[in-house]
Amino acid sequence: MGKKNVTFDDIAKYTNFSKTTISRYFNNPDSLTLENQQIIADALEALNYKENKVARILANGKTEFVGIIIPDLYMHYYAQMLSEILATYEKFGYKFLVFEGNKDKTIERQYIQELLAYKIEGLIVLSHTITSEELASYNIPVVTIEREDLFTCSVNTDNYMGGVQATSLLRKNNCDILFHLNQKVTETTPGYGRIKGFLDTCREHNWPHRLILDSFGKTYEENQKRFKVIFEELETDYKGKKKGIFVSNDTHANILLNLIIRKHGELPDEYRIVGFDDSPIASSAIIPISTVGQQIGTIAYQAMELLVAQMNERKKRRPVPLKEPVHQVVTPILKRRETTD
């Protein structure tokens, strides 16, 4: 015969506490003294208690689910960030429901309603589609990563510092003219700091430069088509000049690198490239790409830690809500590889 499931009644008899006290331990542990919490914890271990998750959800409505809305999995940065967030289960014990955004507000609102129907306790958002003001209106803890965050807690890279690091490295490579390739982003987006860092550094030192902002598309084919046009322009208009190119992410930096190698058979001295993110594609590229390393694992952990703090506060008898959103900034680390000297 199989082993009998341990019940609240069994735990109560073992500890000489009431079943109400045992229930409070699971549903509102802060209502018990630390001494009594320890007595019950020891009893659970001694009795080899296996928690019935479904019963617990039905009892207190807490699912231990966190929702994630991520823009796409094509960009290596987002795929790596998702992997690091999922890995926090080992530390925090929360499970995840993930939706891939598509820049359609109506559909992404449906995603949020679906997540709320599953009684998620918190939400991590990397998609840019829904404003932070609207996200805050859903009345659940929210943490955003690398997107507009006026009304929500967030964890972001110091993008401005990263822009300065990339630009300065290219200039140290004795480039004649510096370029920054990026998407068109608003000044409220953390990623705008990469653009500002590039422009401020070039202007401060009177370095020749050019900013290229474009919509590169959502697929590899779309990206490659647009970058091919830009590459041919660089080849024609800046022939004979040493070009330092700061690309806004490693995925696009790798596309540009491949175009250069297909034409020249190597990375000629005429080109120097720095990406941004330090996603796996940077180190595994045909020529490892210098990059501004976002500490992706640190960002993921801090985002989850910040979210868990908000979720735990809500479980208290007298929760104290945040007076204003918390914004954490993580320092980038420059990674020099073979696309720069």
C-alpha atoms as a PDB file:
ATOM      1  CA  MET A   1       0.000   0.000   0.000  1.00  0.00           C
ATOM      2  CA  GLY A   2       1.140   3.562  -0.685  1.00  0.00           C
ATOM      3  CA  LYS A   3       2.071   5.936   2.115  1.00  0.00           C
ATOM      4  CA  LYS A   4      -0.781   7.904   3.642  1.00  0.00           C
ATOM      5  CA  ASN A   5      -0.881  11.597   2.726  1.00  0.00           C
ATOM      6  CA  VAL A   6      -0.080  13.817   5.684  1.00  0.00           C
ATOM      7  CA  THR A   7      -2.981  16.139   6.509  1.00  0.00           C
ATOM      8  CA  PHE A   8      -3.332  19.329   8.522  1.00  0.00           C
ATOM      9  CA  ASP A   9      -4.928  17.168  11.220  1.00  0.00           C
ATOM     10  CA  ASP A  10      -1.789  15.004  11.390  1.00  0.00           C
ATOM     11  CA  ILE A  11       0.434  18.084  11.695  1.00  0.00           C
ATOM     12  CA  ALA A  12      -1.822  19.552  14.397  1.00  0.00           C
ATOM     13  CA  LYS A  13      -1.637  16.371  16.468  1.00  0.00           C
ATOM     14  CA  TYR A  14       2.145  16.156  16.068  1.00  0.00           C
ATOM     15  CA  THR A  15       2.704  19.780  17.182  1.00  0.00           C
ATOM     16  CA  ASN A  16      -0.212  20.109  19.656  1.00  0.00           C
ATOM     17  CA  PHE A  17      -1.382  23.130  17.714  1.00  0.00           C
ATOM     18  CA  SER A  18      -4.888  23.625  16.344  1.00  0.00           C
ATOM     19  CA  LYS A  19      -5.673  23.041  12.661  1.00  0.00           C
ATOM     20  CA  THR A  20      -6.410  26.772  12.451  1.00  0.00           C
ATOM     21  CA  THR A  21      -2.840  27.526  13.522  1.00  0.00           C
ATOM     22  CA  ILE A  22      -1.482  25.092  10.960  1.00  0.00           C
ATOM     23  CA  SER A  23      -3.604  26.752   8.265  1.00  0.00           C
ATOM     24  CA  ARG A  24      -2.266  30.154   9.298  1.00  0.00           C
ATOM     25  CA  TYR A  25       1.282  28.846   8.890  1.00  0.00           C
ATOM     26  CA  PHE A  26       0.605  28.094   5.226  1.00  0.00           C
ATOM     27  CA  ASN A  27      -1.599  31.050   4.378  1.00  0.00           C
ATOM     28  CA  ASN A  28      -0.320  33.852   6.635  1.00  0.00           C
ATOM     29  CA  PRO A  29       2.933  32.798   8.351  1.00  0.00           C
ATOM     30  CA  ASP A  30       3.635  36.336   9.614  1.00  0.00           C
ATOM     31  CA  SER A  31       0.685  35.941  11.978  1.00  0.00           C
ATOM     32  CA  LEU A  32       2.677  33.318  13.954  1.00  0.00           C
ATOM     33  CA  THR A  33       5.732  33.799  16.115  1.00  0.00           C
ATOM     34  CA  LEU A  34       9.054  32.748  14.622  1.00  0.00           C
ATOM     35  CA  GLU A  35       9.295  30.052  17.297  1.00  0.00           C
ATOM     36  CA  ASN A  36       5.951  28.513  16.295  1.00  0.00           C
ATOM     37  CA  GLN A  37       6.826  28.770  12.612  1.00  0.00           C
ATOM     38  CA  GLN A  38       9.985  26.774  13.310  1.00  0.00           C
ATOM     39  CA  ILE A  39       8.093  24.115  15.300  1.00  0.00           C
ATOM     40  CA  ILE A  40       5.700  23.571  12.395  1.00  0.00           C
ATOM     41  CA  ALA A  41       8.528  23.593   9.831  1.00  0.00           C
ATOM     42  CA  ASP A  42      10.345  20.901  11.820  1.00  0.00           C
ATOM     43  CA  ALA A  43       7.136  18.851  12.009  1.00  0.00           C
ATOM     44  CA  LEU A  44       6.657  19.033   8.236  1.00  0.00           C
ATOM     45  CA  GLU A  45      10.143  17.643   7.742  1.00  0.00           C
ATOM     46  CA  ALA A  46       9.680  14.904  10.343  1.00  0.00           C
ATOM     47  CA  LEU A  47       6.347  13.836   8.841  1.00  0.00           C
ATOM     48  CA  ASN A  48       7.694  14.041   5.251  1.00  0.00           C
ATOM     49  CA  TYR A  49       4.830  16.377   4.343  1.00  0.00           C
ATOM     50  CA  LYS A  50       4.126  16.791   0.627  1.00  0.00           C
ATOM     51  CA  GLU A  51       2.120  19.919  -0.074  1.00  0.00           C
ATOM     52  CA  ASN A  52      -1.042  19.609  -2.136  1.00  0.00           C
ATOM     53  CA  LYS A  53      -0.599  22.614  -4.417  1.00  0.00           C
ATOM     54  CA  VAL A  54      -4.116  22.480  -5.842  1.00  0.00           C
ATOM     55  CA  ALA A  55      -5.668  22.433  -2.387  1.00  0.00           C
ATOM     56  CA  ARG A  56      -3.539  25.356  -1.332  1.00  0.00           C
ATOM     57  CA  ILE A  57      -4.538  27.419  -4.366  1.00  0.00           C
ATOM     58  CA  LEU A  58      -8.213  26.709  -3.669  1.00  0.00           C
ATOM     59  CA  ALA A  59      -7.746  27.632  -0.015  1.00  0.00           C
ATOM     60  CA  ASN A  60      -5.925  30.952  -0.327  1.00  0.00           C
ATOM     61  CA  GLY A  61      -6.128  31.918  -4.008  1.00  0.00           C
ATOM     62  CA  LYS A  62      -2.333  32.181  -4.263  1.00  0.00           C
ATOM     63  CA  THR A  63      -1.141  30.366  -7.372  1.00  0.00           C
ATOM     64  CA  GLU A  64       2.597  31.115  -7.206  1.00  0.00           C
ATOM     65  CA  PHE A  65       2.335  31.973 -10.910  1.00  0.00           C
ATOM     66  CA  VAL A  66       4.084  34.950 -12.481  1.00  0.00           C
ATOM     67  CA  GLY A  67       3.214  36.175 -15.969  1.00  0.00           C
ATOM     68  CA  ILE A  68       5.829  37.236 -18.520  1.00  0.00           C
ATOM     69  CA  ILE A  69       5.237  39.187 -21.723  1.00  0.00           C
ATOM     70  CA  ILE A  70       8.332  39.252 -23.914  1.00  0.00           C
ATOM     71  CA  PRO A  71       8.554  40.992 -27.317  1.00  0.00           C
ATOM     72  CA  ASP A  72      10.011  38.056 -29.261  1.00  0.00           C
ATOM     73  CA  LEU A  73      12.435  35.160 -29.078  1.00  0.00           C
ATOM     74  CA  TYR A  74      14.217  36.068 -32.303  1.00  0.00           C
ATOM     75  CA  MET A  75      16.490  38.582 -30.580  1.00  0.00           C
ATOM     76  CA  HIS A  76      19.105  36.620 -28.675  1.00  0.00           C
ATOM     77  CA  TYR A  77      18.899  39.081 -25.772  1.00  0.00           C
ATOM     78  CA  TYR A  78      15.243  38.301 -25.107  1.00  0.00           C
ATOM     79  CA  ALA A  79      15.771  34.543 -25.359  1.00  0.00           C
ATOM     80  CA  GLN A  80      18.644  34.735 -22.876  1.00  0.00           C
ATOM     81  CA  MET A  81      16.695  37.007 -20.516  1.00  0.00           C
ATOM     82  CA  LEU A  82      13.730  34.628 -20.525  1.00  0.00           C
ATOM     83  CA  SER A  83      16.027  31.705 -19.746  1.00  0.00           C
ATOM     84  CA  GLU A  84      17.544  33.597 -16.808  1.00  0.00           C
ATOM     85  CA  ILE A  85      14.126  34.592 -15.437  1.00  0.00           C
ATOM     86  CA  LEU A  86      12.897  30.990 -15.603  1.00  0.00           C
ATOM     87  CA  ALA A  87      16.031  29.907 -13.753  1.00  0.00           C
ATOM     88  CA  THR A  88      14.972  31.953 -10.703  1.00  0.00           C
ATOM     89  CA  TYR A  89      12.423  29.227  -9.869  1.00  0.00           C
ATOM     90  CA  GLU A  90      15.173  27.473  -7.936  1.00  0.00           C
ATOM     91  CA  LYS A  91      15.523  30.484  -5.625  1.00  0.00           C
ATOM     92  CA  PHE A  92      12.005  31.915  -5.394  1.00  0.00           C
ATOM     93  CA  GLY A  93       9.729  28.956  -6.233  1.00  0.00           C
ATOM     94  CA  TYR A  94       7.461  30.853  -8.624  1.00  0.00           C
ATOM     95  CA  LYS A  95       6.275  29.271 -11.869  1.00  0.00           C
ATOM     96  CA  PHE A  96       5.840  31.228 -15.093  1.00  0.00           C
ATOM     97  CA  LEU A  97       3.223  31.710 -17.806  1.00  0.00           C
ATOM     98  CA  VAL A  98       4.818  33.268 -20.889  1.00  0.00           C
ATOM     99  CA  PHE A  99       3.333  35.157 -23.828  1.00  0.00           C
ATOM    100  CA  GLU A 100       5.278  36.451 -26.824  1.00  0.00           C
ATOM    101  CA  GLY A 101       4.143  39.950 -27.746  1.00  0.00           C
ATOM    102  CA  ASN A 102       3.380  41.101 -31.278  1.00  0.00           C
ATOM    103  CA  LYS A 103       3.093  44.922 -30.975  1.00  0.00           C
ATOM    104  CA  ASP A 104      -0.714  44.725 -31.187  1.00  0.00           C
ATOM    105  CA  LYS A 105      -2.275  46.410 -28.143  1.00  0.00           C
ATOM    106  CA  THR A 106      -5.573  44.574 -28.481  1.00  0.00           C
ATOM    107  CA  ILE A 107      -3.908  41.159 -28.529  1.00  0.00           C
ATOM    108  CA  GLU A 108      -1.471  41.942 -25.735  1.00  0.00           C
ATOM    109  CA  ARG A 109      -4.370  43.139 -23.585  1.00  0.00           C
ATOM    110  CA  GLN A 110      -5.969  39.738 -24.237  1.00  0.00           C
ATOM    111  CA  TYR A 111      -2.734  38.132 -23.030  1.00  0.00           C
ATOM    112  CA  ILE A 112      -2.936  40.124 -19.809  1.00  0.00           C
ATOM    113  CA  GLN A 113      -6.585  39.185 -19.260  1.00  0.00           C
ATOM    114  CA  GLU A 114      -5.682  35.529 -19.821  1.00  0.00           C
ATOM    115  CA  LEU A 115      -2.871  35.796 -17.267  1.00  0.00           C
ATOM    116  CA  LEU A 116      -5.170  37.488 -14.758  1.00  0.00           C
ATOM    117  CA  ALA A 117      -7.705  34.679 -15.272  1.00  0.00           C
ATOM    118  CA  TYR A 118      -4.993  32.258 -14.146  1.00  0.00           C
ATOM    119  CA  LYS A 119      -4.634  34.339 -10.959  1.00  0.00           C
ATOM    120  CA  ILE A 120      -1.022  35.343 -11.518  1.00  0.00           C
ATOM    121  CA  GLU A 121       0.484  37.058  -8.484  1.00  0.00           C
ATOM    122  CA  GLY A 122       2.797  39.331 -10.462  1.00  0.00           C
ATOM    123  CA  LEU A 123       3.877  40.318 -13.967  1.00  0.00           C
ATOM    124  CA  ILE A 124       7.229  40.889 -15.683  1.00  0.00           C
ATOM    125  CA  VAL A 125       7.001  42.847 -18.936  1.00  0.00           C
ATOM    126  CA  LEU A 126       9.686  43.397 -21.569  1.00  0.00           C
ATOM    127  CA  SER A 127       7.263  44.178 -24.393  1.00  0.00           C
ATOM    128  CA  HIS A 128       6.934  47.888 -25.231  1.00  0.00           C
ATOM    129  CA  THR A 129       3.344  47.740 -26.504  1.00  0.00           C
ATOM    130  CA  ILE A 130       1.297  48.571 -23.382  1.00  0.00           C
ATOM    131  CA  THR A 131       2.163  51.767 -21.478  1.00  0.00           C
ATOM    132  CA  SER A 132       3.418  51.511 -17.911  1.00  0.00           C
ATOM    133  CA  GLU A 133       0.437  53.591 -16.793  1.00  0.00           C
ATOM    134  CA  GLU A 134      -1.945  50.949 -18.139  1.00  0.00           C
ATOM    135  CA  LEU A 135       0.133  48.105 -16.661  1.00  0.00           C
ATOM    136  CA  ALA A 136      -0.050  49.770 -13.248  1.00  0.00           C
ATOM    137  CA  SER A 137      -3.837  50.016 -13.544  1.00  0.00           C
ATOM    138  CA  TYR A 138      -4.224  46.201 -13.376  1.00  0.00           C
ATOM    139  CA  ASN A 139      -3.525  46.398  -9.649  1.00  0.00           C
ATOM    140  CA  ILE A 140      -0.975  43.589  -9.452  1.00  0.00           C
ATOM    141  CA  PRO A 141       2.767  43.867  -8.819  1.00  0.00           C
ATOM    142  CA  VAL A 142       4.582  44.646 -12.068  1.00  0.00           C
ATOM    143  CA  VAL A 143       8.285  44.898 -12.902  1.00  0.00           C
ATOM    144  CA  THR A 144       9.444  45.986 -16.342  1.00  0.00           C
ATOM    145  CA  ILE A 145      12.826  45.432 -18.003  1.00  0.00           C
ATOM    146  CA  GLU A 146      14.356  47.760 -20.620  1.00  0.00           C
ATOM    147  CA  ARG A 147      11.190  49.622 -21.553  1.00  0.00           C
ATOM    148  CA  GLU A 148       9.236  52.755 -20.577  1.00  0.00           C
ATOM    149  CA  ASP A 149       8.685  52.572 -16.807  1.00  0.00           C
ATOM    150  CA  LEU A 150       7.236  55.828 -15.471  1.00  0.00           C
ATOM    151  CA  PHE A 151       4.471  54.081 -13.484  1.00  0.00           C
ATOM    152  CA  THR A 152       6.021  50.661 -12.789  1.00  0.00           C
ATOM    153  CA  CYS A 153       9.019  49.282 -10.929  1.00  0.00           C
ATOM    154  CA  SER A 154      11.859  48.379 -13.249  1.00  0.00           C
ATOM    155  CA  VAL A 155      15.340  46.965 -13.660  1.00  0.00           C
ATOM    156  CA  ASN A 156      17.428  48.347 -16.517  1.00  0.00           C
ATOM    157  CA  THR A 157      20.991  48.512 -17.728  1.00  0.00           C
ATOM    158  CA  ASP A 158      22.816  51.835 -17.520  1.00  0.00           C
ATOM    159  CA  ASN A 159      22.372  52.305 -21.259  1.00  0.00           C
ATOM    160  CA  TYR A 160      23.996  55.734 -21.306  1.00  0.00           C
ATOM    161  CA  MET A 161      27.185  54.365 -19.786  1.00  0.00           C
ATOM    162  CA  GLY A 162      27.088  51.525 -22.306  1.00  0.00           C
ATOM    163  CA  GLY A 163      26.813  54.007 -25.165  1.00  0.00           C
ATOM    164  CA  VAL A 164      29.829  55.913 -23.867  1.00  0.00           C
ATOM    165  CA  GLN A 165      31.823  52.672 -23.454  1.00  0.00           C
ATOM    166  CA  ALA A 166      31.109  51.468 -27.000  1.00  0.00           C
ATOM    167  CA  THR A 167      31.834  54.836 -28.597  1.00  0.00           C
ATOM    168  CA  SER A 168      35.081  55.339 -26.684  1.00  0.00           C
ATOM    169  CA  LEU A 169      36.333  51.856 -27.591  1.00  0.00           C
ATOM    170  CA  LEU A 170      35.764  52.477 -31.300  1.00  0.00           C
ATOM    171  CA  ARG A 171      37.599  55.795 -31.134  1.00  0.00           C
ATOM    172  CA  LYS A 172      40.533  54.071 -29.408  1.00  0.00           C
ATOM    173  CA  ASN A 173      40.664  51.839 -32.497  1.00  0.00           C
ATOM    174  CA  ASN A 174      41.635  54.969 -34.482  1.00  0.00           C
ATOM    175  CA  CYS A 175      38.445  54.976 -36.529  1.00  0.00           C
ATOM    176  CA  ASP A 176      38.028  57.932 -38.896  1.00  0.00           C
ATOM    177  CA  ILE A 177      34.258  58.128 -38.442  1.00  0.00           C
ATOM    178  CA  LEU A 178      31.893  56.561 -35.908  1.00  0.00           C
ATOM    179  CA  PHE A 179      28.391  55.230 -36.589  1.00  0.00           C
ATOM    180  CA  HIS A 180      25.566  54.152 -34.336  1.00  0.00           C
ATOM    181  CA  LEU A 181      22.838  51.919 -35.808  1.00  0.00           C
ATOM    182  CA  ASN A 182      19.647  51.747 -33.793  1.00  0.00           C
ATOM    183  CA  GLN A 183      15.870  51.546 -34.025  1.00  0.00           C
ATOM    184  CA  LYS A 184      13.757  54.669 -33.652  1.00  0.00           C
ATOM    185  CA  VAL A 185      13.079  54.783 -29.907  1.00  0.00           C
ATOM    186  CA  THR A 186      11.486  57.420 -27.697  1.00  0.00           C
ATOM    187  CA  GLU A 187      13.421  59.300 -25.031  1.00  0.00           C
ATOM    188  CA  THR A 188      11.315  57.607 -22.321  1.00  0.00           C
ATOM    189  CA  THR A 189      12.733  54.209 -23.316  1.00  0.00           C
ATOM    190  CA  PRO A 190      15.881  53.172 -21.390  1.00  0.00           C
ATOM    191  CA  GLY A 191      17.517  52.094 -24.671  1.00  0.00           C
ATOM    192  CA  TYR A 192      17.543  55.736 -25.771  1.00  0.00           C
ATOM    193  CA  GLY A 193      20.502  56.113 -23.422  1.00  0.00           C
ATOM    194  CA  ARG A 194      22.625  54.220 -25.978  1.00  0.00           C
ATOM    195  CA  ILE A 195      21.862  56.894 -28.571  1.00  0.00           C
ATOM    196  CA  LYS A 196      22.460  59.766 -26.152  1.00  0.00           C
ATOM    197  CA  GLY A 197      25.691  58.234 -24.863  1.00  0.00           C
ATOM    198  CA  PHE A 198      26.971  57.915 -28.431  1.00  0.00           C
ATOM    199  CA  LEU A 199      25.992  61.457 -29.456  1.00  0.00           C
ATOM    200  CA  ASP A 200      27.216  63.170 -26.280  1.00  0.00           C
ATOM    201  CA  THR A 201      30.589  61.439 -26.451  1.00  0.00           C
ATOM    202  CA  CYS A 202      31.131  62.244 -30.129  1.00  0.00           C
ATOM    203  CA  ARG A 203      30.071  65.869 -29.723  1.00  0.00           C
ATOM    204  CA  GLU A 204      32.130  66.418 -26.590  1.00  0.00           C
ATOM    205  CA  HIS A 205      35.314  65.361 -28.407  1.00  0.00           C
ATOM    206  CA  ASN A 206      34.327  66.650 -31.875  1.00  0.00           C
ATOM    207  CA  TRP A 207      34.621  63.152 -33.345  1.00  0.00           C
ATOM    208  CA  PRO A 208      33.156  62.691 -36.847  1.00  0.00           C
ATOM    209  CA  HIS A 209      30.011  60.601 -36.477  1.00  0.00           C
ATOM    210  CA  ARG A 210      26.691  59.648 -37.955  1.00  0.00           C
ATOM    211  CA  LEU A 211      23.544  58.337 -36.309  1.00  0.00           C
ATOM    212  CA  ILE A 212      21.457  55.910 -38.391  1.00  0.00           C
ATOM    213  CA  LEU A 213      17.975  55.224 -37.012  1.00  0.00           C
ATOM    214  CA  ASP A 214      15.773  52.786 -38.894  1.00  0.00           C
ATOM    215  CA  SER A 215      13.102  50.115 -38.585  1.00  0.00           C
ATOM    216  CA  PHE A 216      14.940  46.875 -39.228  1.00  0.00           C
ATOM    217  CA  GLY A 217      11.956  44.503 -39.139  1.00  0.00           C
ATOM    218  CA  LYS A 218      11.088  41.516 -36.948  1.00  0.00           C
ATOM    219  CA  THR A 219      12.632  38.602 -38.865  1.00  0.00           C
ATOM    220  CA  TYR A 220      16.125  37.647 -39.969  1.00  0.00           C
ATOM    221  CA  GLU A 221      15.165  38.153 -43.608  1.00  0.00           C
ATOM    222  CA  GLU A 222      13.831  41.661 -42.938  1.00  0.00           C
ATOM    223  CA  ASN A 223      16.883  42.549 -40.844  1.00  0.00           C
ATOM    224  CA  GLN A 224      19.321  41.259 -43.441  1.00  0.00           C
ATOM    225  CA  LYS A 225      17.595  43.136 -46.275  1.00  0.00           C
ATOM    226  CA  ARG A 226      17.767  46.467 -44.451  1.00  0.00           C
ATOM    227  CA  PHE A 227      21.323  45.979 -43.203  1.00  0.00           C
ATOM    228  CA  LYS A 228      22.442  45.091 -46.702  1.00  0.00           C
ATOM    229  CA  VAL A 229      21.257  48.489 -47.906  1.00  0.00           C
ATOM    230  CA  ILE A 230      23.083  50.234 -45.051  1.00  0.00           C
ATOM    231  CA  PHE A 231      26.254  48.206 -45.639  1.00  0.00           C
ATOM    232  CA  GLU A 232      26.311  49.050 -49.347  1.00  0.00           C
ATOM    233  CA  GLU A 233      25.906  52.728 -48.438  1.00  0.00           C
ATOM    234  CA  LEU A 234      28.864  52.529 -46.040  1.00  0.00           C
ATOM    235  CA  GLU A 235      30.951  50.806 -48.713  1.00  0.00           C
ATOM    236  CA  THR A 236      30.177  53.496 -51.290  1.00  0.00           C
ATOM    237  CA  ASP A 237      30.054  56.721 -49.265  1.00  0.00           C
ATOM    238  CA  TYR A 238      32.881  56.022 -46.837  1.00  0.00           C
ATOM    239  CA  LYS A 239      35.265  54.003 -48.982  1.00  0.00           C
ATOM    240  CA  GLY A 240      38.836  54.112 -47.685  1.00  0.00           C
ATOM    241  CA  LYS A 241      37.826  55.424 -44.258  1.00  0.00           C
ATOM    242  CA  LYS A 242      38.137  53.343 -41.111  1.00  0.00           C
ATOM    243  CA  LYS A 243      34.594  52.930 -39.884  1.00  0.00           C
ATOM    244  CA  GLY A 244      33.725  52.259 -36.238  1.00  0.00           C
ATOM    245  CA  ILE A 245      30.191  50.895 -35.999  1.00  0.00           C
ATOM    246  CA  PHE A 246      28.271  50.683 -32.711  1.00  0.00           C
ATOM    247  CA  VAL A 247      25.223  48.455 -33.274  1.00  0.00           C
ATOM    248  CA  SER A 248      22.377  48.557 -30.760  1.00  0.00           C
ATOM    249  CA  ASN A 249      22.246  44.782 -30.184  1.00  0.00           C
ATOM    250  CA  ASP A 250      24.349  41.686 -30.824  1.00  0.00           C
ATOM    251  CA  THR A 251      21.827  40.048 -33.165  1.00  0.00           C
ATOM    252  CA  HIS A 252      22.060  42.958 -35.597  1.00  0.00           C
ATOM    253  CA  ALA A 253      25.820  43.288 -35.076  1.00  0.00           C
ATOM    254  CA  ASN A 254      26.189  39.664 -36.178  1.00  0.00           C
ATOM    255  CA  ILE A 255      24.100  40.281 -39.315  1.00  0.00           C
ATOM    256  CA  LEU A 256      26.322  43.226 -40.248  1.00  0.00           C
ATOM    257  CA  LEU A 257      29.479  41.208 -39.547  1.00  0.00           C
ATOM    258  CA  ASN A 258      28.271  38.384 -41.804  1.00  0.00           C
ATOM    259  CA  LEU A 259      27.587  40.829 -44.642  1.00  0.00           C
ATOM    260  CA  ILE A 260      31.088  42.263 -44.348  1.00  0.00           C
ATOM    261  CA  ILE A 261      32.750  38.825 -44.316  1.00  0.00           C
ATOM    262  CA  ARG A 262      30.692  37.588 -47.278  1.00  0.00           C
ATOM    263  CA  LYS A 263      31.944  40.506 -49.344  1.00  0.00           C
ATOM    264  CA  HIS A 264      35.564  40.706 -48.162  1.00  0.00           C
ATOM    265  CA  GLY A 265      36.242  37.154 -46.945  1.00  0.00           C
ATOM    266  CA  GLU A 266      37.409  38.604 -43.634  1.00  0.00           C
ATOM    267  CA  LEU A 267      36.859  41.560 -41.334  1.00  0.00           C
ATOM    268  CA  PRO A 268      39.078  44.167 -43.011  1.00  0.00           C
ATOM    269  CA  ASP A 269      40.936  46.802 -41.020  1.00  0.00           C
ATOM    270  CA  GLU A 270      38.485  49.303 -42.521  1.00  0.00           C
ATOM    271  CA  TYR A 271      35.759  48.069 -40.128  1.00  0.00           C
ATOM    272  CA  ARG A 272      35.499  47.851 -36.365  1.00  0.00           C
ATOM    273  CA  ILE A 273      32.263  46.679 -34.684  1.00  0.00           C
ATOM    274  CA  VAL A 274      30.814  46.822 -31.168  1.00  0.00           C
ATOM    275  CA  GLY A 275      27.427  45.306 -30.283  1.00  0.00           C
ATOM    276  CA  PHE A 276      25.282  45.551 -27.173  1.00  0.00           C
ATOM    277  CA  ASP A 277      23.910  42.868 -24.785  1.00  0.00           C
ATOM    278  CA  ASP A 278      26.603  40.146 -24.590  1.00  0.00           C
ATOM    279  CA  SER A 279      24.025  37.582 -25.651  1.00  0.00           C
ATOM    280  CA  PRO A 280      25.450  34.186 -26.761  1.00  0.00           C
ATOM    281  CA  ILE A 281      25.549  35.194 -30.449  1.00  0.00           C
ATOM    282  CA  ALA A 282      28.313  37.731 -29.678  1.00  0.00           C
ATOM    283  CA  SER A 283      30.841  35.201 -28.380  1.00  0.00           C
ATOM    284  CA  SER A 284      29.834  32.431 -30.814  1.00  0.00           C
ATOM    285  CA  ALA A 285      29.873  34.565 -33.999  1.00  0.00           C
ATOM    286  CA  ILE A 286      32.267  33.586 -36.813  1.00  0.00           C
ATOM    287  CA  ILE A 287      34.478  36.371 -35.425  1.00  0.00           C
ATOM    288  CA  PRO A 288      33.635  36.970 -31.735  1.00  0.00           C
ATOM    289  CA  ILE A 289      32.038  40.401 -31.420  1.00  0.00           C
ATOM    290  CA  SER A 290      33.113  43.081 -28.954  1.00  0.00           C
ATOM    291  CA  THR A 291      30.043  44.153 -27.033  1.00  0.00           C
ATOM    292  CA  VAL A 292      28.676  46.145 -24.132  1.00  0.00           C
ATOM    293  CA  GLY A 293      27.682  43.369 -21.768  1.00  0.00           C
ATOM    294  CA  GLN A 294      24.360  43.710 -20.054  1.00  0.00           C
ATOM    295  CA  GLN A 295      24.499  41.574 -16.929  1.00  0.00           C
ATOM    296  CA  ILE A 296      21.483  39.589 -18.066  1.00  0.00           C
ATOM    297  CA  GLY A 297      21.527  37.098 -15.192  1.00  0.00           C
ATOM    298  CA  THR A 298      21.772  39.923 -12.649  1.00  0.00           C
ATOM    299  CA  ILE A 299      18.951  41.881 -14.280  1.00  0.00           C
ATOM    300  CA  ALA A 300      16.681  38.816 -14.325  1.00  0.00           C
ATOM    301  CA  TYR A 301      17.412  38.005 -10.673  1.00  0.00           C
ATOM    302  CA  GLN A 302      16.920  41.590  -9.490  1.00  0.00           C
ATOM    303  CA  ALA A 303      13.657  41.876 -11.441  1.00  0.00           C
ATOM    304  CA  MET A 304      12.311  38.733  -9.820  1.00  0.00           C
ATOM    305  CA  GLU A 305      13.596  39.775  -6.402  1.00  0.00           C
ATOM    306  CA  LEU A 306      11.855  43.153  -6.741  1.00  0.00           C
ATOM    307  CA  LEU A 307       8.632  41.474  -7.864  1.00  0.00           C
ATOM    308  CA  VAL A 308       8.708  38.907  -5.035  1.00  0.00           C
ATOM    309  CA  ALA A 309       9.152  41.698  -2.480  1.00  0.00           C
ATOM    310  CA  GLN A 310       5.966  43.358  -3.775  1.00  0.00           C
ATOM    311  CA  MET A 311       4.045  40.059  -3.872  1.00  0.00           C
ATOM    312  CA  ASN A 312       5.126  39.156  -0.332  1.00  0.00           C
ATOM    313  CA  GLU A 313       4.082  42.571   0.937  1.00  0.00           C
ATOM    314  CA  ARG A 314       0.583  41.990  -0.414  1.00  0.00           C
ATOM    315  CA  LYS A 315       0.298  38.772   1.600  1.00  0.00           C
ATOM    316  CA  LYS A 316       0.768  40.588   4.904  1.00  0.00           C
ATOM    317  CA  ARG A 317      -2.153  41.389   7.154  1.00  0.00           C
ATOM    318  CA  ARG A 318      -1.473  45.122   6.788  1.00  0.00           C
ATOM    319  CA  PRO A 319       0.437  45.560   3.523  1.00  0.00           C
ATOM    320  CA  VAL A 320       2.281  48.815   2.923  1.00  0.00           C
ATOM    321  CA  PRO A 321       2.176  49.680  -0.792  1.00  0.00           C
ATOM    322  CA  LEU A 322       5.101  51.421  -2.467  1.00  0.00           C
ATOM    323  CA  LYS A 323       4.788  55.200  -2.444  1.00  0.00           C
ATOM    324  CA  GLU A 324       6.457  55.364  -5.859  1.00  0.00           C
ATOM    325  CA  PRO A 325       7.991  52.894  -8.316  1.00  0.00           C
ATOM    326  CA  VAL A 326      11.456  51.507  -7.606  1.00  0.00           C
ATOM    327  CA  HIS A 327      13.928  51.761 -10.476  1.00  0.00           C
ATOM    328  CA  GLN A 328      17.128  49.721 -10.290  1.00  0.00           C
ATOM    329  CA  VAL A 329      20.038  50.244 -12.684  1.00  0.00           C
ATOM    330  CA  VAL A 330      22.693  47.629 -13.459  1.00  0.00           C
ATOM    331  CA  THR A 331      26.166  48.628 -14.636  1.00  0.00           C
ATOM    332  CA  PRO A 332      27.213  47.282 -18.070  1.00  0.00           C
ATOM    333  CA  ILE A 333      30.570  45.550 -18.605  1.00  0.00           C
ATOM    334  CA  LEU A 334      32.519  46.156 -21.803  1.00  0.00           C
ATOM    335  CA  LYS A 335      33.636  42.907 -23.467  1.00  0.00           C
ATOM    336  CA  ARG A 336      36.535  43.330 -25.910  1.00  0.00           C
ATOM    337  CA  ARG A 337      36.722  40.653 -28.557  1.00  0.00           C
ATOM    338  CA  GLU A 338      38.068  40.258 -32.084  1.00  0.00           C
ATOM    339  CA  THR A 339      35.965  42.885 -33.901  1.00  0.00           C
ATOM    340  CA  THR A 340      38.013  45.607 -32.173  1.00  0.00           C
ATOM    341  CA  ASP A 341      41.697  45.876 -31.337  1.00  0.00           C
END
